[in-house]
Each structure stands twice: as structure tokens, then as C-alpha cells.
């Protein structure tokens, strides 16, 4: 009873059902594979975004710490004494002076050595680099 005859052909309905089931299963497996690939891509993208967000948060904390220190009294006093060369009333300012009669020796700079290059060497270096 599982057979149906159309013209000269005889069709086994059980075999047709198996082929249709296998076709549907194949489509479902392909769809599942595509979704799994998309899941992996999205997970990688989420990890990248999370790493960037962590970097941004750490940078924000570091900048907030620097801004808080820059606005503090300690930072202002440190700048005034070290770079602004200022002193508080009652401070004794000490400025180091060079030893009398001491003349610093200039540091000689080496002179570059010129090489005699032929025209062929110049062209080879121009075309192919050093």
C-alpha cells in the first residue's frame, strides 16, 4: 500500500518520505552551522568590545587620578618649588654655582666618513635600497 503509480512510474511513498526528511534535516543542519558561525563571530566581537571598554575605564581612572593630583595643594607647591623656583617666606634658597675657574669641556661630535661610491653603486642603492 505504500506505493503509488503515476503513469509508467511507481513511487514508493516510504522512500520519498525518507528523502524529504533527510532534505529537511540537511537544511536544518546547514542553518544550525550558519548560526553557530555567527555566534562565534559575535562572541569574538563582544570580547573585543569588552577589552576596549576595560581599557577606556582604566584610562578614565588614571586621568581622574592625575586631574585630582594636579588640582591638589601638594602638586601646586611641588611645581612652584621645582619649576617655578619660588620659595615660602623663611625658606633659604640654595642655588648651586659652578666651581670658580672650572671651564666645561665641549664634547666633540664625530665627523661622518664619506665613502667613494661608483655610479653603479648609487643606482643599485637607489633601485634596491640599502
C-alpha atoms as a PDB file:
ATOM      1  CA  UNK A   1       0.000   0.000   0.000  1.00  0.00           C
ATOM      2  CA  UNK A   2       2.991   2.306   0.243  1.00  0.00           C
ATOM      3  CA  UNK A   3       3.252   2.515  -3.492  1.00  0.00           C
ATOM      4  CA  UNK A   4       1.650   4.954  -5.839  1.00  0.00           C
ATOM      5  CA  UNK A   5       1.654   4.618  -9.595  1.00  0.00           C
ATOM      6  CA  UNK A   6       1.898   7.705 -11.793  1.00  0.00           C
ATOM      7  CA  UNK A   7       1.904   6.837 -15.462  1.00  0.00           C
ATOM      8  CA  UNK A   8       4.658   4.312 -16.060  1.00  0.00           C
ATOM      9  CA  UNK A   9       6.464   5.136 -12.788  1.00  0.00           C
ATOM     10  CA  UNK A  10       5.825   3.540  -9.485  1.00  0.00           C
ATOM     11  CA  UNK A  11       6.655   5.707  -6.446  1.00  0.00           C
ATOM     12  CA  UNK A  12       7.426   4.255  -3.032  1.00  0.00           C
ATOM     13  CA  UNK A  13       5.949   6.737  -0.533  1.00  0.00           C
ATOM     14  CA  UNK A  14       8.155   5.479   2.292  1.00  0.00           C
ATOM     15  CA  UNK A  15      11.338   6.244   0.305  1.00  0.00           C
ATOM     16  CA  UNK A  16      10.008   9.668  -0.699  1.00  0.00           C
ATOM     17  CA  UNK A  17       9.273  10.425   2.958  1.00  0.00           C
ATOM     18  CA  UNK A  18      12.800   9.389   3.946  1.00  0.00           C
ATOM     19  CA  UNK A  19      14.348  11.612   1.234  1.00  0.00           C
ATOM     20  CA  UNK A  20      12.174  14.564   2.225  1.00  0.00           C
ATOM     21  CA  UNK A  21      13.078  14.016   5.892  1.00  0.00           C
ATOM     22  CA  UNK A  22      16.780  13.859   5.027  1.00  0.00           C
ATOM     23  CA  UNK A  23      16.458  17.044   2.971  1.00  0.00           C
ATOM     24  CA  UNK A  24      14.768  18.877   5.835  1.00  0.00           C
ATOM     25  CA  UNK A  25      17.415  17.561   8.245  1.00  0.00           C
ATOM     26  CA  UNK A  26      20.193  18.752   5.897  1.00  0.00           C
ATOM     27  CA  UNK A  27      18.658  22.240   5.686  1.00  0.00           C
ATOM     28  CA  UNK A  28      18.324  22.354   9.471  1.00  0.00           C
ATOM     29  CA  UNK A  29      21.970  21.297   9.955  1.00  0.00           C
ATOM     30  CA  UNK A  30      23.156  23.962   7.481  1.00  0.00           C
ATOM     31  CA  UNK A  31      21.078  26.597   9.273  1.00  0.00           C
ATOM     32  CA  UNK A  32      22.461  25.466  12.646  1.00  0.00           C
ATOM     33  CA  UNK A  33      26.021  25.647  11.306  1.00  0.00           C
ATOM     34  CA  UNK A  34      25.459  29.177   9.989  1.00  0.00           C
ATOM     35  CA  UNK A  35      24.018  30.243  13.351  1.00  0.00           C
ATOM     36  CA  UNK A  36      26.958  28.730  15.233  1.00  0.00           C
ATOM     37  CA  UNK A  37      29.391  30.622  12.983  1.00  0.00           C
ATOM     38  CA  UNK A  38      27.502  33.829  13.661  1.00  0.00           C
ATOM     39  CA  UNK A  39      27.576  33.071  17.405  1.00  0.00           C
ATOM     40  CA  UNK A  40      31.360  32.630  17.369  1.00  0.00           C
ATOM     41  CA  UNK A  41      31.803  35.867  15.413  1.00  0.00           C
ATOM     42  CA  UNK A  42      29.571  37.784  17.821  1.00  0.00           C
ATOM     43  CA  UNK A  43      31.334  36.312  20.863  1.00  0.00           C
ATOM     44  CA  UNK A  44      34.712  37.414  19.462  1.00  0.00           C
ATOM     45  CA  UNK A  45      33.323  40.864  18.757  1.00  0.00           C
ATOM     46  CA  UNK A  46      31.873  41.069  22.294  1.00  0.00           C
ATOM     47  CA  UNK A  47      35.246  40.098  23.783  1.00  0.00           C
ATOM     48  CA  UNK A  48      36.978  42.799  21.725  1.00  0.00           C
ATOM     49  CA  UNK A  49      34.452  45.436  22.778  1.00  0.00           C
ATOM     50  CA  UNK A  50      34.741  44.347  26.404  1.00  0.00           C
ATOM     51  CA  UNK A  51      38.546  44.669  26.267  1.00  0.00           C
ATOM     52  CA  UNK A  52      38.249  48.141  24.749  1.00  0.00           C
ATOM     53  CA  UNK A  53      35.732  49.159  27.411  1.00  0.00           C
ATOM     54  CA  UNK A  54      38.098  47.951  30.136  1.00  0.00           C
ATOM     55  CA  UNK A  55      40.951  49.956  28.602  1.00  0.00           C
ATOM     56  CA  UNK A  56      38.773  53.052  28.420  1.00  0.00           C
ATOM     57  CA  UNK A  57      37.667  52.618  32.043  1.00  0.00           C
ATOM     58  CA  UNK A  58      41.276  52.219  33.199  1.00  0.00           C
ATOM     59  CA  UNK A  59      42.309  55.288  31.202  1.00  0.00           C
ATOM     60  CA  UNK A  60      39.445  57.253  32.745  1.00  0.00           C
ATOM     61  CA  UNK A  61      40.510  56.274  36.266  1.00  0.00           C
ATOM     62  CA  UNK A  62      44.135  57.206  35.531  1.00  0.00           C
ATOM     63  CA  UNK A  63      43.123  60.578  34.091  1.00  0.00           C
ATOM     64  CA  UNK A  64      40.824  61.290  37.045  1.00  0.00           C
ATOM     65  CA  UNK A  65      43.690  60.474  39.414  1.00  0.00           C
ATOM     66  CA  UNK A  66      46.039  62.798  37.521  1.00  0.00           C
ATOM     67  CA  UNK A  67      43.443  65.571  37.469  1.00  0.00           C
ATOM     68  CA  UNK A  68      42.820  65.208  41.214  1.00  0.00           C
ATOM     69  CA  UNK A  69      46.564  65.332  41.918  1.00  0.00           C
ATOM     70  CA  UNK A  70      47.089  68.320  39.600  1.00  0.00           C
ATOM     71  CA  UNK A  71      44.425  70.280  41.494  1.00  0.00           C
ATOM     72  CA  UNK A  72      45.859  69.407  44.919  1.00  0.00           C
ATOM     73  CA  UNK A  73      47.906  71.726  47.117  1.00  0.00           C
ATOM     74  CA  UNK A  74      50.829  69.305  47.055  1.00  0.00           C
ATOM     75  CA  UNK A  75      51.103  69.445  43.253  1.00  0.00           C
ATOM     76  CA  UNK A  76      50.924  73.230  43.225  1.00  0.00           C
ATOM     77  CA  UNK A  77      53.632  73.510  45.875  1.00  0.00           C
ATOM     78  CA  UNK A  78      55.797  70.930  44.088  1.00  0.00           C
ATOM     79  CA  UNK A  79      55.564  72.837  40.805  1.00  0.00           C
ATOM     80  CA  UNK A  80      56.221  76.193  42.495  1.00  0.00           C
ATOM     81  CA  UNK A  81      59.362  74.970  44.248  1.00  0.00           C
ATOM     82  CA  UNK A  82      60.840  72.830  41.446  1.00  0.00           C
ATOM     83  CA  UNK A  83      59.885  74.517  38.185  1.00  0.00           C
ATOM     84  CA  UNK A  84      58.648  77.931  39.243  1.00  0.00           C
ATOM     85  CA  UNK A  85      61.685  78.478  41.523  1.00  0.00           C
ATOM     86  CA  UNK A  86      59.524  80.003  44.213  1.00  0.00           C
ATOM     87  CA  UNK A  87      60.058  79.872  47.958  1.00  0.00           C
ATOM     88  CA  UNK A  88      57.945  80.331  51.038  1.00  0.00           C
ATOM     89  CA  UNK A  89      58.767  83.116  53.486  1.00  0.00           C
ATOM     90  CA  UNK A  90      61.517  81.879  55.791  1.00  0.00           C
ATOM     91  CA  UNK A  91      62.979  79.375  53.291  1.00  0.00           C
ATOM     92  CA  UNK A  92      66.649  79.605  52.456  1.00  0.00           C
ATOM     93  CA  UNK A  93      67.039  79.157  48.704  1.00  0.00           C
ATOM     94  CA  UNK A  94      70.178  77.327  47.626  1.00  0.00           C
ATOM     95  CA  UNK A  95      71.262  77.641  44.010  1.00  0.00           C
ATOM     96  CA  UNK A  96      74.257  75.501  43.045  1.00  0.00           C
ATOM     97  CA  UNK A  97      77.021  77.554  41.443  1.00  0.00           C
ATOM     98  CA  UNK A  98      79.837  76.229  39.263  1.00  0.00           C
ATOM     99  CA  UNK A  99      83.289  75.887  40.785  1.00  0.00           C
ATOM    100  CA  UNK A 100      85.341  79.069  40.121  1.00  0.00           C
ATOM    101  CA  UNK A 101      87.872  78.608  37.340  1.00  0.00           C
ATOM    102  CA  UNK A 102      86.173  75.477  36.003  1.00  0.00           C
ATOM    103  CA  UNK A 103      85.599  75.503  32.265  1.00  0.00           C
ATOM    104  CA  UNK A 104      83.422  72.699  30.916  1.00  0.00           C
ATOM    105  CA  UNK A 105      84.982  70.822  28.022  1.00  0.00           C
ATOM    106  CA  UNK A 106      82.856  70.639  24.894  1.00  0.00           C
ATOM    107  CA  UNK A 107      82.003  67.168  23.705  1.00  0.00           C
ATOM    108  CA  UNK A 108      83.416  66.650  20.228  1.00  0.00           C
ATOM    109  CA  UNK A 109      80.974  65.356  17.651  1.00  0.00           C
ATOM    110  CA  UNK A 110      82.282  62.686  15.293  1.00  0.00           C
ATOM    111  CA  UNK A 111      82.659  63.660  11.669  1.00  0.00           C
ATOM    112  CA  UNK A 112      80.860  61.440   9.196  1.00  0.00           C
ATOM    113  CA  UNK A 113      83.028  59.255   6.999  1.00  0.00           C
ATOM    114  CA  UNK A 114      82.289  59.668   3.318  1.00  0.00           C
ATOM    115  CA  UNK A 115      82.503  56.632   1.081  1.00  0.00           C
ATOM    116  CA  UNK A 116      83.516  56.771  -2.536  1.00  0.00           C
ATOM    117  CA  UNK A 117      80.617  55.246  -4.470  1.00  0.00           C
ATOM    118  CA  UNK A 118      80.598  54.464  -8.142  1.00  0.00           C
ATOM    119  CA  UNK A 119      77.634  55.361 -10.314  1.00  0.00           C
ATOM    120  CA  UNK A 120      76.663  51.685 -10.404  1.00  0.00           C
ATOM    121  CA  UNK A 121      76.598  51.543  -6.566  1.00  0.00           C
ATOM    122  CA  UNK A 122      74.447  54.680  -6.434  1.00  0.00           C
ATOM    123  CA  UNK A 123      71.952  53.270  -8.936  1.00  0.00           C
ATOM    124  CA  UNK A 124      71.841  49.876  -7.194  1.00  0.00           C
ATOM    125  CA  UNK A 125      71.148  51.531  -3.836  1.00  0.00           C
ATOM    126  CA  UNK A 126      68.558  53.827  -5.387  1.00  0.00           C
ATOM    127  CA  UNK A 127      66.710  50.967  -7.059  1.00  0.00           C
ATOM    128  CA  UNK A 128      67.044  48.199  -4.479  1.00  0.00           C
ATOM    129  CA  UNK A 129      67.656  50.096  -1.235  1.00  0.00           C
ATOM    130  CA  UNK A 130      70.394  49.565   1.335  1.00  0.00           C
END
